[in-house]
Amino acid sequence: MEPDYRVFRRKIYDEMLEWKHNRDGATALLIKGARRIGKSTIAEEFARNEYESHIVVDFADAPQAVWEAVDNISDRDNFFMQLQFIYGVTLHERRSVIIFDEIQKCPAVRQAIKYLVKDHRYDFIETGSLLSIKKNTKDIVIPSEETRLTMYPMDYEEFRWALGDSTTLPLLRAAFNDKRSLGDALVRKLMRDLRLYMLVGGMPQAVETYLNTTNLAAVDAKKREIIELYIDDFQKIDPSGKVGRLFGAIPSQLSKNASRYQVTSVLGRSEEKDTMDELLKELEDSLTVNFAHHADDPNIGMPMHANYNQYKMFVGDTGLFITLAFWDKAVAENVIYQKLLTDKLSADLGYVYENLVAQMLTAAGNRLFYHAWPTESGKHNYEIDFILSRGNKICPVEVKSSGYKTHASLDAFKAKFSSRIGQNYLVYSKDLRKDGDIVLVPAFMGMFL
């Protein structure tokens, strides 16, 4: 039966196909990601297209009979028979898949994956959030028989696909590879297209709302629903409310242009390190945020040089970031969206573009690192927003919200670490070109760095 909602084309589908063909049931597929990014939808779409039959066991809303079957999961013949009775679906050996949705709510089944996979009758897909939070892993052995994929909000190319455009990004990729300029008029159009993505974001429900209504106030209302859901989730894992406050403060922390996220200015007092580490682990595990850690000695193998006590946080979806940044404004205050869309909002939006590039780089498989150090006067800091490892060199990335006049941080970084640097990038809102040994990259090409 076809779903009564829109199913978007997602890149993770190809990775799922690779798992099915290469592993042939030797592992279960675990898809992890934040709430509402489309994990369940893509798992069901994959099952419909690639298998003869499938069962979806949603542990967020499973009938009592499922829990009784789980209690006797060691009897696999009985377990599989019970599922077929409960869901009215016939399973076929090596031609059917069972989806365990919201697997974090049933640790016993996750632990049993080892034996279900060994049985090899069917394929198994698990989806979930908050998979390594203590209460979701307590007293169970995490199975090694899992192929794990992380799913992110729709990236810019997936967003263009949703709009019916499969042409733009391949052309932009070719232009980036050839370092070809595009012309000012085209760049203005492409930047406006990108700002629409920044406003709507990559949460499938927000994208669907935009496609159905083209009303940005309705999109904003949908994003607020998602943020409220996240806040409720944070409250469940941390009743003190501190995790929710850390999340809500991300826009204000980035707008301060400080060299680190300042926890004390959010929580009001310093926490014990063990407590703080646990709160941050819970926030990171929610996959609603992207962490960038300070690289004390920027070089290849940056995790070895990372300072995990100095970090920045970005919202995982830039559309949610913008709604969070203007949380004090009414949903219907559409003037903010129109000004953002036409690039006429007076506020310095450098931090919004920084969040966008963080999202793009994360979706492309990069871990995020940055580097800050004092200027000669000691009154200010130089800062490289992101540092990428490419081959045996590092590539510094500076992000600006509009054009540029200077790139003092890049220049100082080059002088300090010249022998380690491959390519220097400045991401901004103008055309692709070179300025000496710096490649100036329009923000809509940020995913290609």
Protein backbone atom coordinates (compact mmCIF):
# COMPACT_ATOMS: atom_id res chain seq x y z
CA MET A 1 0.00 0.00 0.00
CA GLU A 2 1.34 3.42 -0.94
CA PRO A 3 1.88 5.91 1.92
CA ASP A 4 -0.49 8.88 2.23
CA TYR A 5 2.42 11.28 2.69
CA ARG A 6 5.21 12.50 0.43
CA VAL A 7 8.34 10.33 0.32
CA PHE A 8 11.42 12.34 -0.57
CA ARG A 9 14.44 11.07 -2.41
CA ARG A 10 17.28 10.64 0.09
CA LYS A 11 20.95 9.81 -0.46
CA ILE A 12 20.99 7.30 2.38
CA TYR A 13 18.86 4.99 0.20
CA ASP A 14 21.92 4.13 -1.91
CA GLU A 15 23.87 3.26 1.24
CA MET A 16 21.02 1.00 2.33
CA LEU A 17 21.10 -0.76 -1.03
CA GLU A 18 24.82 -1.30 -0.64
CA TRP A 19 24.21 -2.88 2.79
CA LYS A 20 21.52 -5.21 1.42
CA HIS A 21 23.60 -6.41 -1.51
CA ASN A 22 26.97 -6.65 0.21
CA ARG A 23 26.02 -7.99 3.63
CA ASP A 24 23.16 -10.29 2.58
CA GLY A 25 21.70 -10.47 6.07
CA ALA A 26 25.03 -10.88 7.89
CA THR A 27 24.28 -7.71 9.87
CA ALA A 28 21.24 -5.70 10.82
CA LEU A 29 21.08 -2.15 9.45
CA LEU A 30 20.87 0.50 12.18
CA ILE A 31 19.73 3.96 11.05
CA LYS A 32 20.26 6.55 13.76
CA GLY A 33 19.41 10.23 13.69
CA ALA A 34 17.43 13.00 15.33
CA ARG A 35 13.66 12.79 15.67
CA ARG A 36 11.60 13.79 12.62
CA ILE A 37 14.33 13.56 10.00
CA GLY A 38 12.68 10.72 8.07
CA LYS A 39 14.29 7.52 9.41
CA SER A 40 11.06 5.55 9.59
CA THR A 41 9.87 6.85 6.23
CA ILE A 42 13.02 5.84 4.36
CA ALA A 43 13.11 2.43 6.08
CA GLU A 44 9.52 1.68 5.03
CA GLU A 45 10.09 2.98 1.50
CA PHE A 46 13.16 0.77 1.21
CA ALA A 47 11.21 -2.25 2.50
CA ARG A 48 8.36 -1.66 0.03
CA ASN A 49 10.73 -1.38 -2.93
CA GLU A 50 13.39 -3.96 -2.15
CA TYR A 51 11.56 -6.85 -0.42
CA GLU A 52 8.62 -9.12 -1.13
CA SER A 53 7.04 -8.35 2.25
CA HIS A 54 7.87 -6.46 5.44
CA ILE A 55 6.69 -5.85 8.99
CA VAL A 56 7.13 -2.58 10.88
CA VAL A 57 7.27 -2.97 14.66
CA ASP A 58 6.98 0.53 16.12
CA PHE A 59 8.07 0.30 19.74
CA ALA A 60 6.66 3.77 20.41
CA ASP A 61 3.17 2.38 19.77
CA ALA A 62 3.38 -1.41 19.86
CA PRO A 63 0.37 -3.50 20.98
CA GLN A 64 0.65 -5.58 24.15
CA ALA A 65 0.97 -8.75 22.09
CA VAL A 66 4.29 -7.50 20.70
CA TRP A 67 5.73 -7.03 24.18
CA GLU A 68 4.60 -10.53 25.12
CA ALA A 69 6.34 -11.89 22.01
CA VAL A 70 9.50 -9.98 22.95
CA ASP A 71 9.49 -11.64 26.38
CA ASN A 72 10.04 -14.95 24.57
CA ILE A 73 12.30 -13.75 21.80
CA SER A 74 14.80 -16.54 22.43
CA ASP A 75 12.23 -18.87 20.79
CA ARG A 76 12.72 -17.38 17.34
CA ASP A 77 10.23 -19.66 15.56
CA ASN A 78 7.52 -18.51 17.93
CA PHE A 79 8.65 -14.86 17.80
CA PHE A 80 8.45 -14.68 14.01
CA MET A 81 5.12 -16.52 13.98
CA GLN A 82 3.67 -14.10 16.54
CA LEU A 83 4.73 -11.08 14.50
CA GLN A 84 3.08 -12.48 11.37
CA PHE A 85 -0.17 -13.06 13.27
CA ILE A 86 -0.11 -9.61 14.94
CA TYR A 87 0.57 -7.63 11.75
CA GLY A 88 -1.20 -9.90 9.27
CA VAL A 89 1.87 -10.19 7.03
CA THR A 90 3.47 -13.35 5.66
CA LEU A 91 7.27 -13.36 5.89
CA HIS A 92 9.32 -15.14 3.24
CA GLU A 93 12.75 -16.55 4.01
CA ARG A 94 15.53 -14.24 2.64
CA ARG A 95 12.90 -12.15 0.84
CA SER A 96 11.39 -10.23 3.76
CA VAL A 97 12.59 -7.58 6.21
CA ILE A 98 11.48 -6.72 9.74
CA ILE A 99 11.82 -3.05 10.76
CA PHE A 100 12.24 -2.34 14.46
CA ASP A 101 11.25 1.31 14.71
CA GLU A 102 12.30 3.38 17.75
CA ILE A 103 14.55 0.50 18.82
CA GLN A 104 15.88 2.49 21.78
CA LYS A 105 12.54 1.88 23.51
CA CYS A 106 13.12 -1.89 23.48
CA PRO A 107 16.71 -2.67 24.53
CA ALA A 108 15.90 -6.39 24.78
CA VAL A 109 15.27 -6.64 21.04
CA ARG A 110 18.40 -4.67 20.23
CA GLN A 111 20.46 -7.08 22.33
CA ALA A 112 18.77 -10.04 20.58
CA ILE A 113 19.79 -8.74 17.13
CA LYS A 114 22.92 -10.91 17.36
CA TYR A 115 20.76 -14.05 17.40
CA LEU A 116 18.13 -12.82 14.95
CA VAL A 117 20.87 -12.07 12.41
CA LYS A 118 22.51 -15.44 13.03
CA ASP A 119 19.15 -17.10 12.31
CA HIS A 120 19.43 -15.52 8.83
CA ARG A 121 15.82 -16.07 7.80
CA TYR A 122 15.05 -12.40 7.33
CA ASP A 123 16.77 -9.04 7.10
CA PHE A 124 16.46 -6.54 9.94
CA ILE A 125 16.45 -2.73 9.98
CA GLU A 126 16.57 -0.79 13.24
CA THR A 127 15.80 2.92 13.51
CA GLY A 128 16.25 5.05 16.57
CA SER A 129 17.36 8.16 18.42
CA LEU A 130 19.24 8.56 21.71
CA LEU A 131 20.70 5.11 21.15
CA SER A 132 23.58 5.32 23.60
CA ILE A 133 21.89 7.20 26.45
CA LYS A 134 22.51 5.22 29.64
CA LYS A 135 18.88 4.24 30.25
CA ASN A 136 18.66 2.83 26.71
CA THR A 137 21.74 0.62 27.05
CA LYS A 138 21.62 -0.31 30.72
CA ASP A 139 22.17 -4.03 31.35
CA ILE A 140 22.36 -4.99 27.65
CA VAL A 141 25.23 -5.95 25.38
CA ILE A 142 25.29 -3.73 22.29
CA PRO A 143 25.41 -6.04 19.27
CA SER A 144 28.43 -5.93 16.97
CA GLU A 145 26.28 -7.36 14.17
CA GLU A 146 25.03 -3.92 13.15
CA THR A 147 25.90 -1.83 10.09
CA ARG A 148 25.34 1.70 11.36
CA LEU A 149 24.31 4.68 9.26
CA THR A 150 23.70 8.20 10.55
CA MET A 151 20.87 10.08 8.88
CA TYR A 152 20.87 13.87 8.78
CA PRO A 153 18.29 16.47 7.75
CA MET A 154 17.89 16.84 4.00
CA ASP A 155 21.03 18.43 2.57
CA TYR A 156 20.88 21.19 -0.02
CA GLU A 157 20.92 18.78 -2.96
CA GLU A 158 18.09 16.69 -1.46
CA PHE A 159 16.15 19.93 -0.92
CA ARG A 160 16.60 20.84 -4.60
CA TRP A 161 15.40 17.34 -5.54
CA ALA A 162 12.26 17.94 -3.44
CA LEU A 163 11.65 21.10 -5.46
CA GLY A 164 11.94 19.10 -8.68
CA ASP A 165 15.44 20.32 -9.53
CA SER A 166 18.02 17.62 -10.26
CA THR A 167 20.12 19.85 -12.55
CA THR A 168 21.57 22.64 -10.42
CA LEU A 169 23.84 20.76 -8.03
CA PRO A 170 25.66 18.61 -10.66
CA LEU A 171 26.33 21.81 -12.64
CA LEU A 172 27.60 23.57 -9.51
CA ARG A 173 29.81 20.60 -8.64
CA ALA A 174 31.38 20.71 -12.11
CA ALA A 175 31.90 24.49 -11.86
CA PHE A 176 33.52 24.09 -8.43
CA ASN A 177 35.85 21.35 -9.66
CA ASP A 178 36.88 23.45 -12.67
CA LYS A 179 37.01 26.67 -10.58
CA ARG A 180 34.73 28.42 -13.09
CA SER A 181 33.01 31.68 -12.20
CA LEU A 182 29.25 31.92 -12.74
CA GLY A 183 28.53 35.63 -13.19
CA ASP A 184 26.97 38.05 -10.72
CA ALA A 185 23.36 37.73 -11.92
CA LEU A 186 23.35 33.94 -11.66
CA VAL A 187 25.07 34.04 -8.26
CA ARG A 188 22.37 36.40 -6.92
CA LYS A 189 19.69 33.95 -8.07
CA LEU A 190 21.53 30.94 -6.61
CA MET A 191 22.07 32.73 -3.28
CA ARG A 192 18.36 33.48 -3.09
CA ASP A 193 17.66 29.79 -3.73
CA LEU A 194 20.08 28.89 -0.94
CA ARG A 195 18.48 31.33 1.50
CA LEU A 196 15.13 29.59 0.88
CA TYR A 197 16.79 26.35 1.98
CA MET A 198 18.21 28.10 5.05
CA LEU A 199 14.73 29.33 5.99
CA VAL A 200 12.82 26.11 5.34
CA GLY A 201 15.60 23.77 6.42
CA GLY A 202 15.92 20.07 5.78
CA MET A 203 13.35 18.59 8.16
CA PRO A 204 11.01 16.62 5.86
CA GLN A 205 7.82 17.88 7.54
CA ALA A 206 8.95 21.49 7.11
CA VAL A 207 9.82 20.85 3.46
CA GLU A 208 6.47 19.19 2.85
CA THR A 209 4.69 22.13 4.49
CA TYR A 210 6.52 24.52 2.17
CA LEU A 211 5.67 22.45 -0.92
CA ASN A 212 2.00 22.26 0.10
CA THR A 213 1.57 25.92 1.07
CA THR A 214 4.60 28.02 -0.07
CA ASN A 215 3.80 29.87 3.15
CA LEU A 216 6.86 30.57 5.29
CA ALA A 217 4.76 31.36 8.37
CA ALA A 218 3.23 27.87 8.12
CA VAL A 219 6.74 26.44 7.72
CA ASP A 220 7.87 28.32 10.82
CA ALA A 221 4.92 26.93 12.80
CA LYS A 222 5.89 23.39 11.75
CA LYS A 223 9.50 23.97 12.79
CA ARG A 224 8.34 25.24 16.17
CA GLU A 225 6.40 22.00 16.64
CA ILE A 226 9.60 20.04 15.97
CA ILE A 227 11.64 22.18 18.38
CA GLU A 228 8.98 21.74 21.07
CA LEU A 229 9.22 17.98 20.50
CA TYR A 230 12.99 18.16 20.99
CA ILE A 231 12.58 20.19 24.18
CA ASP A 232 10.12 17.56 25.48
CA ASP A 233 12.65 14.83 24.65
CA PHE A 234 15.40 16.73 26.47
CA GLN A 235 13.11 17.06 29.49
CA LYS A 236 12.62 13.28 29.55
CA ILE A 237 16.33 12.50 29.52
CA ASP A 238 17.24 15.46 31.77
CA PRO A 239 14.37 16.60 34.05
CA SER A 240 16.54 19.49 35.30
CA GLY A 241 15.98 21.22 31.95
CA LYS A 242 19.66 21.99 31.50
CA VAL A 243 20.05 20.09 28.22
CA GLY A 244 17.12 22.03 26.74
CA ARG A 245 18.67 25.31 27.86
CA LEU A 246 22.01 24.41 26.30
CA PHE A 247 20.23 23.67 23.02
CA GLY A 248 18.11 26.83 23.09
CA ALA A 249 21.14 29.04 23.69
CA ILE A 250 23.05 27.96 20.56
CA PRO A 251 22.07 30.98 18.40
CA SER A 252 22.93 33.50 21.12
CA GLN A 253 26.24 31.76 21.84
CA LEU A 254 27.26 31.87 18.18
CA SER A 255 26.18 35.48 17.76
CA LYS A 256 28.59 36.52 20.55
CA ASN A 257 31.48 35.51 18.29
CA ALA A 258 33.27 33.96 21.25
CA SER A 259 35.94 31.33 20.74
CA ARG A 260 33.93 28.68 22.60
CA TYR A 261 30.46 27.79 23.86
CA GLN A 262 30.27 29.36 27.33
CA VAL A 263 28.27 27.02 29.53
CA THR A 264 28.39 29.24 32.60
CA SER A 265 26.61 32.07 30.80
CA VAL A 266 23.76 29.66 29.98
CA LEU A 267 23.40 27.63 33.18
CA GLY A 268 24.38 30.45 35.50
CA ARG A 269 27.03 28.54 37.41
CA SER A 270 29.72 26.02 36.70
CA GLU A 271 28.71 22.38 36.89
CA GLU A 272 30.79 19.49 38.14
CA LYS A 273 32.81 18.22 35.18
CA ASP A 274 31.28 14.73 35.31
CA THR A 275 27.77 16.22 35.34
CA MET A 276 28.59 18.59 32.49
CA ASP A 277 30.15 15.82 30.43
CA GLU A 278 27.00 13.71 30.86
CA LEU A 279 24.73 16.58 29.81
CA LEU A 280 26.82 17.24 26.72
CA LYS A 281 26.87 13.53 25.88
CA GLU A 282 23.08 13.45 26.03
CA LEU A 283 22.83 16.49 23.77
CA GLU A 284 25.33 15.04 21.29
CA ASP A 285 23.56 11.67 21.32
CA SER A 286 20.29 13.35 20.36
CA LEU A 287 21.91 14.22 16.99
CA THR A 288 20.05 17.53 17.04
CA VAL A 289 23.36 19.42 17.23
CA ASN A 290 26.76 19.39 15.56
CA PHE A 291 29.82 19.91 17.76
CA ALA A 292 32.99 21.57 16.51
CA HIS A 293 35.99 20.99 18.79
CA HIS A 294 39.01 23.20 19.09
CA ALA A 295 42.15 21.87 17.40
CA ASP A 296 44.97 23.05 19.68
CA ASP A 297 47.61 22.05 17.14
CA PRO A 298 45.89 21.93 13.73
CA ASN A 299 47.33 19.07 11.70
CA ILE A 300 46.25 15.89 9.97
CA GLY A 301 44.85 13.44 12.50
CA MET A 302 43.01 16.31 14.17
CA PRO A 303 41.14 14.15 16.70
CA MET A 304 44.56 13.57 18.33
CA HIS A 305 44.98 17.34 18.74
CA ALA A 306 41.39 18.22 19.69
CA ASN A 307 40.53 19.95 22.94
CA TYR A 308 37.23 18.36 23.95
CA ASN A 309 36.74 20.94 26.70
CA GLN A 310 36.66 23.78 24.16
CA TYR A 311 33.94 23.53 21.56
CA LYS A 312 31.23 25.29 19.60
CA MET A 313 27.72 23.96 19.03
CA PHE A 314 25.58 24.30 15.93
CA VAL A 315 21.96 23.28 15.42
CA GLY A 316 21.82 20.21 13.18
CA ASP A 317 19.32 21.89 10.85
CA THR A 318 19.76 25.53 9.83
CA GLY A 319 16.01 25.96 9.32
CA LEU A 320 15.49 25.04 12.98
CA PHE A 321 18.41 27.32 13.89
CA ILE A 322 16.66 30.35 12.35
CA THR A 323 13.39 29.57 14.12
CA LEU A 324 15.31 29.16 17.39
CA ALA A 325 17.14 32.47 16.81
CA PHE A 326 13.83 34.34 16.40
CA TRP A 327 11.94 32.35 19.03
CA ASP A 328 10.80 35.53 20.77
CA LYS A 329 8.93 36.66 17.64
CA ALA A 330 5.40 35.56 16.77
CA VAL A 331 5.04 32.72 14.27
CA ALA A 332 3.09 34.94 11.88
CA GLU A 333 5.76 37.67 11.85
CA ASN A 334 6.59 36.80 8.27
CA VAL A 335 8.48 40.05 7.66
CA ILE A 336 11.58 38.46 9.21
CA TYR A 337 11.42 35.62 6.70
CA GLN A 338 10.89 37.94 3.77
CA LYS A 339 13.85 40.09 4.79
CA LEU A 340 16.03 37.03 5.28
CA LEU A 341 14.97 35.68 1.89
CA THR A 342 15.83 38.95 0.12
CA ASP A 343 19.01 39.46 2.18
CA LYS A 344 17.73 42.71 3.69
CA LEU A 345 17.71 41.89 7.40
CA SER A 346 19.97 44.34 9.18
CA ALA A 347 21.32 41.88 11.76
CA ASP A 348 24.76 40.41 11.13
CA LEU A 349 23.93 36.92 9.90
CA GLY A 350 27.46 35.57 9.80
CA TYR A 351 26.58 33.05 12.49
CA VAL A 352 23.65 31.73 10.40
CA TYR A 353 26.01 31.03 7.48
CA GLU A 354 28.46 29.44 9.89
CA ASN A 355 25.70 27.09 11.08
CA LEU A 356 24.81 26.33 7.44
CA VAL A 357 28.40 25.42 6.54
CA ALA A 358 28.66 23.27 9.69
CA GLN A 359 25.54 21.40 8.55
CA MET A 360 26.86 20.99 5.00
CA LEU A 361 30.26 19.71 6.11
CA THR A 362 28.72 17.28 8.63
CA ALA A 363 26.30 15.87 6.05
CA ALA A 364 29.27 15.35 3.71
CA GLY A 365 30.96 13.15 6.34
CA ASN A 366 33.37 15.62 7.96
CA ARG A 367 34.07 15.93 11.66
CA LEU A 368 34.17 19.58 12.68
CA PHE A 369 37.24 21.31 14.11
CA TYR A 370 38.21 24.97 14.42
CA HIS A 371 41.15 26.99 15.70
CA ALA A 372 41.29 30.30 17.59
CA TRP A 373 44.30 32.20 18.91
CA PRO A 374 44.98 35.77 20.15
CA THR A 375 46.00 38.59 17.83
CA GLU A 376 49.30 40.37 18.33
CA SER A 377 47.62 42.98 20.53
CA GLY A 378 45.96 40.29 22.62
CA LYS A 379 42.68 42.23 22.57
CA HIS A 380 40.93 40.04 20.01
CA ASN A 381 41.16 36.56 18.57
CA TYR A 382 41.89 35.25 15.12
CA GLU A 383 39.62 32.36 14.28
CA ILE A 384 39.42 29.76 11.53
CA ASP A 385 35.82 28.58 11.50
CA PHE A 386 36.51 25.07 10.18
CA ILE A 387 39.59 23.00 9.42
CA LEU A 388 39.32 20.09 7.01
CA SER A 389 41.81 17.26 6.62
CA ARG A 390 42.53 16.45 2.97
CA GLY A 391 45.25 13.90 2.22
CA ASN A 392 48.37 14.91 4.12
CA LYS A 393 47.36 18.59 4.34
CA ILE A 394 44.78 20.69 6.19
CA CYS A 395 42.40 23.17 4.58
CA PRO A 396 41.28 26.18 6.64
CA VAL A 397 37.79 27.56 5.99
CA GLU A 398 36.64 31.06 6.94
CA VAL A 399 32.92 31.90 6.65
CA LYS A 400 31.48 35.37 5.95
CA SER A 401 27.85 36.32 5.53
CA SER A 402 28.27 38.68 2.59
CA GLY A 403 31.19 39.93 0.53
CA TYR A 404 34.62 40.34 1.99
CA LYS A 405 37.16 43.10 2.45
CA THR A 406 39.82 41.31 4.44
CA HIS A 407 40.59 37.78 5.55
CA ALA A 408 42.93 38.53 8.42
CA SER A 409 42.40 35.19 10.17
CA LEU A 410 43.20 33.18 7.04
CA ASP A 411 46.30 35.30 6.41
CA ALA A 412 47.51 34.84 9.99
CA PHE A 413 46.78 31.11 9.89
CA LYS A 414 48.76 30.74 6.65
CA ALA A 415 51.71 32.54 8.21
CA LYS A 416 51.55 30.31 11.29
CA PHE A 417 51.05 26.91 9.62
CA SER A 418 52.12 27.40 5.99
CA SER A 419 53.82 24.00 5.61
CA ARG A 420 50.67 22.13 6.67
CA ILE A 421 48.15 23.87 4.43
CA GLY A 422 46.76 22.48 1.20
CA GLN A 423 44.01 24.86 0.03
CA ASN A 424 42.62 27.97 1.73
CA TYR A 425 38.88 28.64 1.46
CA LEU A 426 36.71 31.64 2.19
CA VAL A 427 32.96 30.93 2.01
CA TYR A 428 30.87 34.01 1.23
CA SER A 429 27.91 35.23 -0.86
CA LYS A 430 29.64 36.25 -4.10
CA ASP A 431 31.02 34.49 -7.17
CA LEU A 432 33.60 31.71 -7.23
CA ARG A 433 37.06 33.14 -7.80
CA LYS A 434 40.61 33.21 -6.46
CA ASP A 435 42.33 35.87 -4.38
CA GLY A 436 45.98 34.88 -4.44
CA ASP A 437 46.11 31.40 -2.92
CA ILE A 438 42.62 31.67 -1.38
CA VAL A 439 39.63 30.18 -3.18
CA LEU A 440 36.54 32.32 -2.60
CA VAL A 441 33.55 29.96 -2.60
CA PRO A 442 29.86 30.97 -2.78
CA ALA A 443 27.93 29.45 0.14
CA PHE A 444 25.83 27.26 -2.18
CA MET A 445 29.04 25.36 -3.00
CA GLY A 446 29.96 24.80 0.64
CA MET A 447 29.05 21.10 0.44
CA PHE A 448 31.86 20.52 -2.09
CA LEU A 449 34.77 21.64 0.12
